[in-house]
Structures are given as structure tokens and as C-alpha cells.
N, C-alpha and C. Protein backbone atom coordinates (compact mmCIF):
# COMPACT_ATOMS: atom_id res chain seq x y z
N MET A 1 -6.98 -78.28 133.43
CA MET A 1 -7.68 -79.04 134.44
C MET A 1 -9.13 -79.23 133.99
N SER A 2 -9.72 -80.34 134.36
CA SER A 2 -11.08 -80.64 133.95
C SER A 2 -11.99 -80.77 135.16
N THR A 3 -13.30 -80.75 134.89
CA THR A 3 -14.29 -80.82 135.96
C THR A 3 -14.60 -82.24 136.39
N GLY A 4 -14.35 -83.21 135.51
CA GLY A 4 -14.70 -84.59 135.82
C GLY A 4 -16.18 -84.89 135.67
N LEU A 5 -16.95 -83.94 135.09
CA LEU A 5 -18.38 -84.16 134.87
C LEU A 5 -18.60 -85.09 133.69
N GLU A 6 -19.65 -85.86 133.74
CA GLU A 6 -20.02 -86.74 132.64
C GLU A 6 -20.54 -85.90 131.47
N CYS A 7 -20.26 -86.34 130.26
CA CYS A 7 -20.72 -85.64 129.06
C CYS A 7 -20.96 -86.67 127.96
N LEU A 8 -22.08 -86.51 127.25
CA LEU A 8 -22.44 -87.40 126.17
C LEU A 8 -22.97 -86.59 125.00
N PHE A 9 -22.37 -86.76 123.83
CA PHE A 9 -22.87 -86.19 122.59
C PHE A 9 -23.66 -87.29 121.89
N PHE A 10 -24.85 -86.95 121.39
CA PHE A 10 -25.61 -87.97 120.66
C PHE A 10 -26.30 -87.36 119.44
N GLU A 11 -26.34 -88.17 118.40
CA GLU A 11 -26.99 -87.80 117.15
C GLU A 11 -28.37 -88.46 117.16
N ARG A 12 -29.40 -87.68 117.47
CA ARG A 12 -30.74 -88.25 117.60
C ARG A 12 -31.33 -88.66 116.26
N ARG A 13 -31.11 -87.84 115.27
CA ARG A 13 -31.47 -88.11 113.88
C ARG A 13 -30.29 -87.71 113.03
N PRO A 14 -30.24 -88.13 111.78
CA PRO A 14 -29.10 -87.69 110.95
C PRO A 14 -28.98 -86.16 110.96
N ASN A 15 -27.79 -85.68 111.29
CA ASN A 15 -27.48 -84.25 111.33
C ASN A 15 -28.27 -83.48 112.38
N GLU A 16 -28.63 -84.14 113.46
CA GLU A 16 -29.30 -83.51 114.60
C GLU A 16 -28.56 -83.94 115.87
N TRP A 17 -27.64 -83.12 116.33
CA TRP A 17 -26.78 -83.45 117.46
C TRP A 17 -27.22 -82.71 118.72
N TRP A 18 -27.08 -83.38 119.84
CA TRP A 18 -27.38 -82.86 121.17
C TRP A 18 -26.23 -83.27 122.09
N TYR A 19 -26.15 -82.64 123.24
CA TYR A 19 -25.26 -83.18 124.26
C TYR A 19 -25.86 -83.03 125.64
N LEU A 20 -25.50 -83.97 126.49
CA LEU A 20 -25.87 -83.97 127.90
C LEU A 20 -24.63 -83.64 128.70
N LEU A 21 -24.78 -82.77 129.68
CA LEU A 21 -23.68 -82.42 130.56
C LEU A 21 -24.15 -82.53 132.00
N GLU A 22 -23.47 -83.38 132.76
CA GLU A 22 -23.81 -83.58 134.16
C GLU A 22 -23.75 -82.25 134.91
N ARG A 23 -24.71 -82.03 135.79
CA ARG A 23 -24.74 -80.81 136.59
C ARG A 23 -23.67 -80.86 137.67
N TRP A 24 -23.20 -79.68 138.04
CA TRP A 24 -22.18 -79.56 139.09
C TRP A 24 -22.66 -80.16 140.40
N ASN A 25 -23.95 -80.00 140.70
CA ASN A 25 -24.47 -80.45 142.00
C ASN A 25 -25.06 -81.85 141.94
N ALA A 26 -24.77 -82.62 140.90
CA ALA A 26 -25.29 -83.98 140.79
C ALA A 26 -24.69 -84.85 141.90
N PRO A 27 -25.51 -85.73 142.48
CA PRO A 27 -24.96 -86.64 143.49
C PRO A 27 -23.93 -87.57 142.86
N LYS A 28 -22.81 -87.71 143.49
CA LYS A 28 -21.77 -88.60 142.96
C LYS A 28 -22.22 -90.04 143.09
N ASN A 29 -21.83 -90.83 142.10
CA ASN A 29 -22.20 -92.25 142.05
C ASN A 29 -23.70 -92.47 141.95
N ALA A 30 -24.42 -91.53 141.32
CA ALA A 30 -25.85 -91.70 141.11
C ALA A 30 -26.09 -92.91 140.22
N TRP A 31 -27.24 -93.52 140.35
CA TRP A 31 -27.56 -94.69 139.54
C TRP A 31 -27.47 -94.36 138.06
N ASP A 32 -28.00 -93.23 137.66
CA ASP A 32 -27.94 -92.80 136.27
C ASP A 32 -27.67 -91.30 136.25
N TRP A 33 -26.45 -90.91 135.93
CA TRP A 33 -26.06 -89.49 135.97
C TRP A 33 -26.90 -88.64 135.03
N ARG A 34 -27.50 -89.25 134.00
CA ARG A 34 -28.30 -88.49 133.03
C ARG A 34 -29.53 -87.86 133.67
N GLU A 35 -29.96 -88.39 134.82
CA GLU A 35 -31.07 -87.78 135.55
C GLU A 35 -30.66 -86.43 136.14
N TYR A 36 -29.36 -86.18 136.21
CA TYR A 36 -28.81 -84.95 136.81
C TYR A 36 -27.97 -84.21 135.78
N ALA A 37 -28.52 -84.11 134.56
CA ALA A 37 -27.78 -83.48 133.47
C ALA A 37 -28.66 -82.47 132.77
N ASP A 38 -28.02 -81.52 132.11
CA ASP A 38 -28.72 -80.58 131.24
C ASP A 38 -28.53 -81.02 129.80
N THR A 39 -29.54 -80.77 128.98
CA THR A 39 -29.54 -81.16 127.57
C THR A 39 -29.37 -79.91 126.72
N PHE A 40 -28.48 -79.95 125.75
CA PHE A 40 -28.21 -78.81 124.87
C PHE A 40 -28.33 -79.25 123.42
N GLY A 41 -28.99 -78.46 122.61
CA GLY A 41 -29.13 -78.78 121.21
C GLY A 41 -30.30 -78.05 120.61
N SER A 42 -30.64 -78.30 119.42
CA SER A 42 -29.93 -79.21 118.55
C SER A 42 -28.92 -78.46 117.71
N PHE A 43 -27.95 -79.20 117.20
CA PHE A 43 -26.88 -78.66 116.38
C PHE A 43 -26.80 -79.49 115.10
N PRO A 44 -26.43 -78.88 113.97
CA PRO A 44 -26.39 -79.63 112.71
C PRO A 44 -25.20 -80.57 112.57
N SER A 45 -24.22 -80.46 113.48
CA SER A 45 -23.06 -81.34 113.38
C SER A 45 -22.46 -81.56 114.77
N PHE A 46 -21.69 -82.64 114.89
CA PHE A 46 -20.97 -82.89 116.13
C PHE A 46 -20.02 -81.74 116.43
N GLU A 47 -19.35 -81.22 115.40
CA GLU A 47 -18.37 -80.16 115.59
C GLU A 47 -19.00 -78.91 116.20
N GLU A 48 -20.21 -78.56 115.74
CA GLU A 48 -20.88 -77.39 116.30
C GLU A 48 -21.33 -77.63 117.74
N ALA A 49 -21.79 -78.84 118.03
CA ALA A 49 -22.17 -79.17 119.40
C ALA A 49 -20.95 -79.11 120.31
N HIS A 50 -19.84 -79.66 119.85
CA HIS A 50 -18.61 -79.65 120.64
C HIS A 50 -18.11 -78.21 120.84
N GLN A 51 -18.22 -77.38 119.82
CA GLN A 51 -17.80 -75.99 119.95
C GLN A 51 -18.67 -75.25 120.96
N HIS A 52 -19.96 -75.56 120.99
CA HIS A 52 -20.86 -74.94 121.98
C HIS A 52 -20.41 -75.32 123.39
N LEU A 53 -20.12 -76.59 123.59
CA LEU A 53 -19.62 -77.03 124.90
C LEU A 53 -18.36 -76.25 125.27
N SER A 54 -17.43 -76.14 124.34
CA SER A 54 -16.16 -75.44 124.61
C SER A 54 -16.37 -73.97 124.91
N ASP A 55 -17.32 -73.35 124.21
CA ASP A 55 -17.56 -71.91 124.39
C ASP A 55 -18.31 -71.56 125.66
N HIS A 56 -19.11 -72.51 126.19
CA HIS A 56 -20.02 -72.17 127.28
C HIS A 56 -19.82 -72.93 128.59
N HIS A 57 -18.92 -73.90 128.59
CA HIS A 57 -18.77 -74.72 129.80
C HIS A 57 -17.30 -75.02 130.05
N ALA A 58 -17.00 -75.32 131.30
CA ALA A 58 -15.65 -75.77 131.63
C ALA A 58 -15.43 -77.16 131.02
N ASN A 59 -14.19 -77.48 130.76
CA ASN A 59 -13.82 -78.76 130.16
C ASN A 59 -14.24 -79.91 131.08
N PRO A 60 -15.14 -80.81 130.59
CA PRO A 60 -15.53 -81.93 131.44
C PRO A 60 -14.45 -82.99 131.55
N GLY A 61 -13.46 -82.95 130.66
CA GLY A 61 -12.36 -83.89 130.74
C GLY A 61 -12.50 -85.09 129.83
N GLY A 62 -13.60 -85.21 129.17
CA GLY A 62 -13.84 -86.31 128.25
C GLY A 62 -15.31 -86.41 127.95
N TYR A 63 -15.65 -87.25 127.01
CA TYR A 63 -17.05 -87.40 126.64
C TYR A 63 -17.25 -88.71 125.90
N TYR A 64 -18.51 -89.10 125.81
CA TYR A 64 -18.93 -90.25 125.02
C TYR A 64 -19.64 -89.71 123.78
N THR A 65 -19.64 -90.49 122.71
CA THR A 65 -20.34 -90.11 121.49
C THR A 65 -21.23 -91.27 121.06
N LEU A 66 -22.47 -90.95 120.74
CA LEU A 66 -23.43 -91.95 120.30
C LEU A 66 -24.05 -91.47 118.99
N ARG A 67 -23.76 -92.18 117.92
CA ARG A 67 -24.28 -91.80 116.59
C ARG A 67 -25.65 -92.43 116.36
N TYR A 68 -26.40 -91.79 115.48
CA TYR A 68 -27.74 -92.27 115.13
C TYR A 68 -27.66 -93.68 114.54
N GLU A 69 -28.61 -94.51 114.97
CA GLU A 69 -28.77 -95.85 114.41
C GLU A 69 -30.26 -96.09 114.20
N GLU A 70 -30.63 -96.45 112.99
CA GLU A 70 -32.02 -96.77 112.68
C GLU A 70 -32.47 -97.94 113.55
N GLY A 71 -33.65 -97.82 114.14
CA GLY A 71 -34.20 -98.91 114.94
C GLY A 71 -33.76 -98.91 116.40
N LYS A 72 -32.83 -98.05 116.77
CA LYS A 72 -32.39 -97.98 118.17
C LYS A 72 -33.50 -97.41 119.03
N ASP A 73 -33.59 -97.85 120.26
CA ASP A 73 -34.57 -97.31 121.20
C ASP A 73 -34.07 -95.95 121.71
N TRP A 74 -34.66 -94.89 121.21
CA TRP A 74 -34.26 -93.52 121.58
C TRP A 74 -35.19 -92.91 122.62
N SER A 75 -36.05 -93.71 123.23
CA SER A 75 -37.08 -93.15 124.12
C SER A 75 -36.49 -92.37 125.29
N MET A 76 -35.40 -92.84 125.87
CA MET A 76 -34.79 -92.11 126.99
C MET A 76 -34.28 -90.76 126.53
N PHE A 77 -33.67 -90.70 125.34
CA PHE A 77 -33.16 -89.44 124.82
C PHE A 77 -34.31 -88.51 124.43
N ASP A 78 -35.37 -89.07 123.87
CA ASP A 78 -36.53 -88.25 123.54
C ASP A 78 -37.13 -87.63 124.80
N LYS A 79 -37.14 -88.38 125.88
CA LYS A 79 -37.64 -87.86 127.16
C LYS A 79 -36.77 -86.70 127.65
N LEU A 80 -35.45 -86.85 127.56
CA LEU A 80 -34.55 -85.79 127.99
C LEU A 80 -34.70 -84.54 127.12
N ILE A 81 -34.87 -84.73 125.82
CA ILE A 81 -35.08 -83.60 124.92
C ILE A 81 -36.39 -82.90 125.25
N ALA A 82 -37.46 -83.66 125.48
CA ALA A 82 -38.76 -83.08 125.81
C ALA A 82 -38.69 -82.30 127.12
N GLU A 83 -37.99 -82.83 128.11
CA GLU A 83 -37.83 -82.12 129.38
C GLU A 83 -37.06 -80.82 129.18
N ALA A 84 -36.03 -80.86 128.36
CA ALA A 84 -35.25 -79.65 128.09
C ALA A 84 -36.11 -78.61 127.37
N GLN A 85 -36.94 -79.06 126.44
CA GLN A 85 -37.82 -78.14 125.73
C GLN A 85 -38.80 -77.49 126.71
N ALA A 86 -39.35 -78.27 127.62
CA ALA A 86 -40.30 -77.74 128.59
C ALA A 86 -39.64 -76.74 129.53
N GLU A 87 -38.38 -77.00 129.86
CA GLU A 87 -37.65 -76.12 130.79
C GLU A 87 -36.96 -74.97 130.08
N GLY A 88 -36.90 -75.03 128.76
CA GLY A 88 -36.23 -73.97 128.02
C GLY A 88 -34.72 -74.10 128.01
N ASP A 89 -34.18 -75.29 128.26
CA ASP A 89 -32.73 -75.48 128.33
C ASP A 89 -32.07 -75.63 126.97
N SER A 90 -32.83 -75.96 125.92
CA SER A 90 -32.19 -76.29 124.65
C SER A 90 -32.32 -75.16 123.64
N ARG A 91 -31.45 -75.17 122.67
CA ARG A 91 -31.46 -74.19 121.60
C ARG A 91 -32.24 -74.77 120.43
N LEU A 92 -33.56 -74.86 120.58
CA LEU A 92 -34.37 -75.56 119.60
C LEU A 92 -34.47 -74.82 118.27
N ASP A 93 -34.34 -73.52 118.29
CA ASP A 93 -34.48 -72.77 117.06
C ASP A 93 -33.16 -72.64 116.32
N LYS A 94 -32.12 -73.34 116.78
CA LYS A 94 -30.83 -73.43 116.11
C LYS A 94 -30.17 -72.06 115.87
N LEU A 95 -30.32 -71.17 116.82
CA LEU A 95 -29.65 -69.88 116.71
C LEU A 95 -28.15 -70.06 116.85
N GLU A 96 -27.40 -69.10 116.37
CA GLU A 96 -25.94 -69.15 116.51
C GLU A 96 -25.58 -69.25 117.99
N ARG A 97 -24.56 -70.02 118.29
CA ARG A 97 -24.20 -70.27 119.69
C ARG A 97 -23.83 -69.01 120.44
N HIS A 98 -23.34 -67.98 119.76
CA HIS A 98 -22.94 -66.76 120.45
C HIS A 98 -24.10 -65.85 120.79
N GLU A 99 -25.31 -66.23 120.39
CA GLU A 99 -26.48 -65.43 120.71
C GLU A 99 -27.09 -65.82 122.05
N TRP A 100 -26.51 -66.79 122.73
CA TRP A 100 -27.07 -67.27 123.99
C TRP A 100 -26.09 -67.06 125.13
N THR A 101 -26.61 -66.82 126.31
CA THR A 101 -25.79 -66.73 127.50
C THR A 101 -26.54 -67.38 128.66
N GLN A 102 -25.80 -68.02 129.54
CA GLN A 102 -26.42 -68.67 130.69
C GLN A 102 -26.56 -67.63 131.79
N ILE A 103 -27.78 -67.43 132.30
CA ILE A 103 -28.00 -66.44 133.35
C ILE A 103 -28.16 -67.10 134.72
N ALA A 104 -28.44 -68.37 134.74
CA ALA A 104 -28.53 -69.14 135.99
C ALA A 104 -28.44 -70.61 135.59
N HIS A 105 -28.30 -71.47 136.59
CA HIS A 105 -28.18 -72.89 136.30
C HIS A 105 -29.36 -73.37 135.46
N GLY A 106 -29.07 -73.87 134.25
CA GLY A 106 -30.12 -74.42 133.41
C GLY A 106 -31.00 -73.39 132.73
N ILE A 107 -30.73 -72.10 132.92
CA ILE A 107 -31.53 -71.03 132.33
C ILE A 107 -30.68 -70.28 131.32
N TRP A 108 -31.15 -70.24 130.08
CA TRP A 108 -30.41 -69.58 129.00
C TRP A 108 -31.28 -68.49 128.40
N MET A 109 -30.67 -67.43 127.96
CA MET A 109 -31.41 -66.40 127.27
C MET A 109 -30.58 -65.83 126.13
N ARG A 110 -31.28 -65.21 125.19
CA ARG A 110 -30.61 -64.58 124.07
C ARG A 110 -29.89 -63.34 124.54
N LYS A 111 -28.67 -63.10 124.01
CA LYS A 111 -27.90 -61.89 124.36
C LYS A 111 -28.54 -60.67 123.73
């Protein structure tokens, strides 16, 4: 069974993967679900990002994938990454995925 939450994997730069996962308490039919999502990353490959999702979250039931493209407007994604950095939601130092545990919604700490 899946949660039905929105999920997007994106490659911000070559070999720099992140994913957005809609929050459980996001308003349904929001104009832009990404405003109600947590950002996770960065990971050196899509496979590692996907494994992190599998290890730490319930199955969202599907996902979108967006690969890096030179010249694409990444400003919205850069904003989400910056917000995650400010809130401490992302694994910016690229530690192994098993070194982190979620202690509260959007709050992660090293085990």
C-alpha cells in the first residue's frame, strides 16, 4: 500500500541528486504541492537518493524524475534547497544514509 504523497527526484547538477517528498499534513489539491514538501539530499546518484527514500519513508506510490539540463531555470529548486539548508532538513555533508534518523517532522539528526 502507498501513501499517495507526491515525490520528485531531481538532478540539480551532474551527479547531485535531491528529492522532494510531500508532507503528510499538506493541504490536498494545493496550488503547488512543493510548498508543502521536505527536501532531502544531496546524493551522488539517483539510486542512492531512491534508496534513502525507501529506507526512511513510507512508499509514496510513485515519483517524477527530473534530470539536469544546462540552461534550465533551477531557481525554484535552488530556493527549496536553500530553505532545507536553513532548516537543517538536508544531508548536505553527504553522510551515509544510515547515520541519520528522523526525530520529528522535518528534523533529522545523526544516530
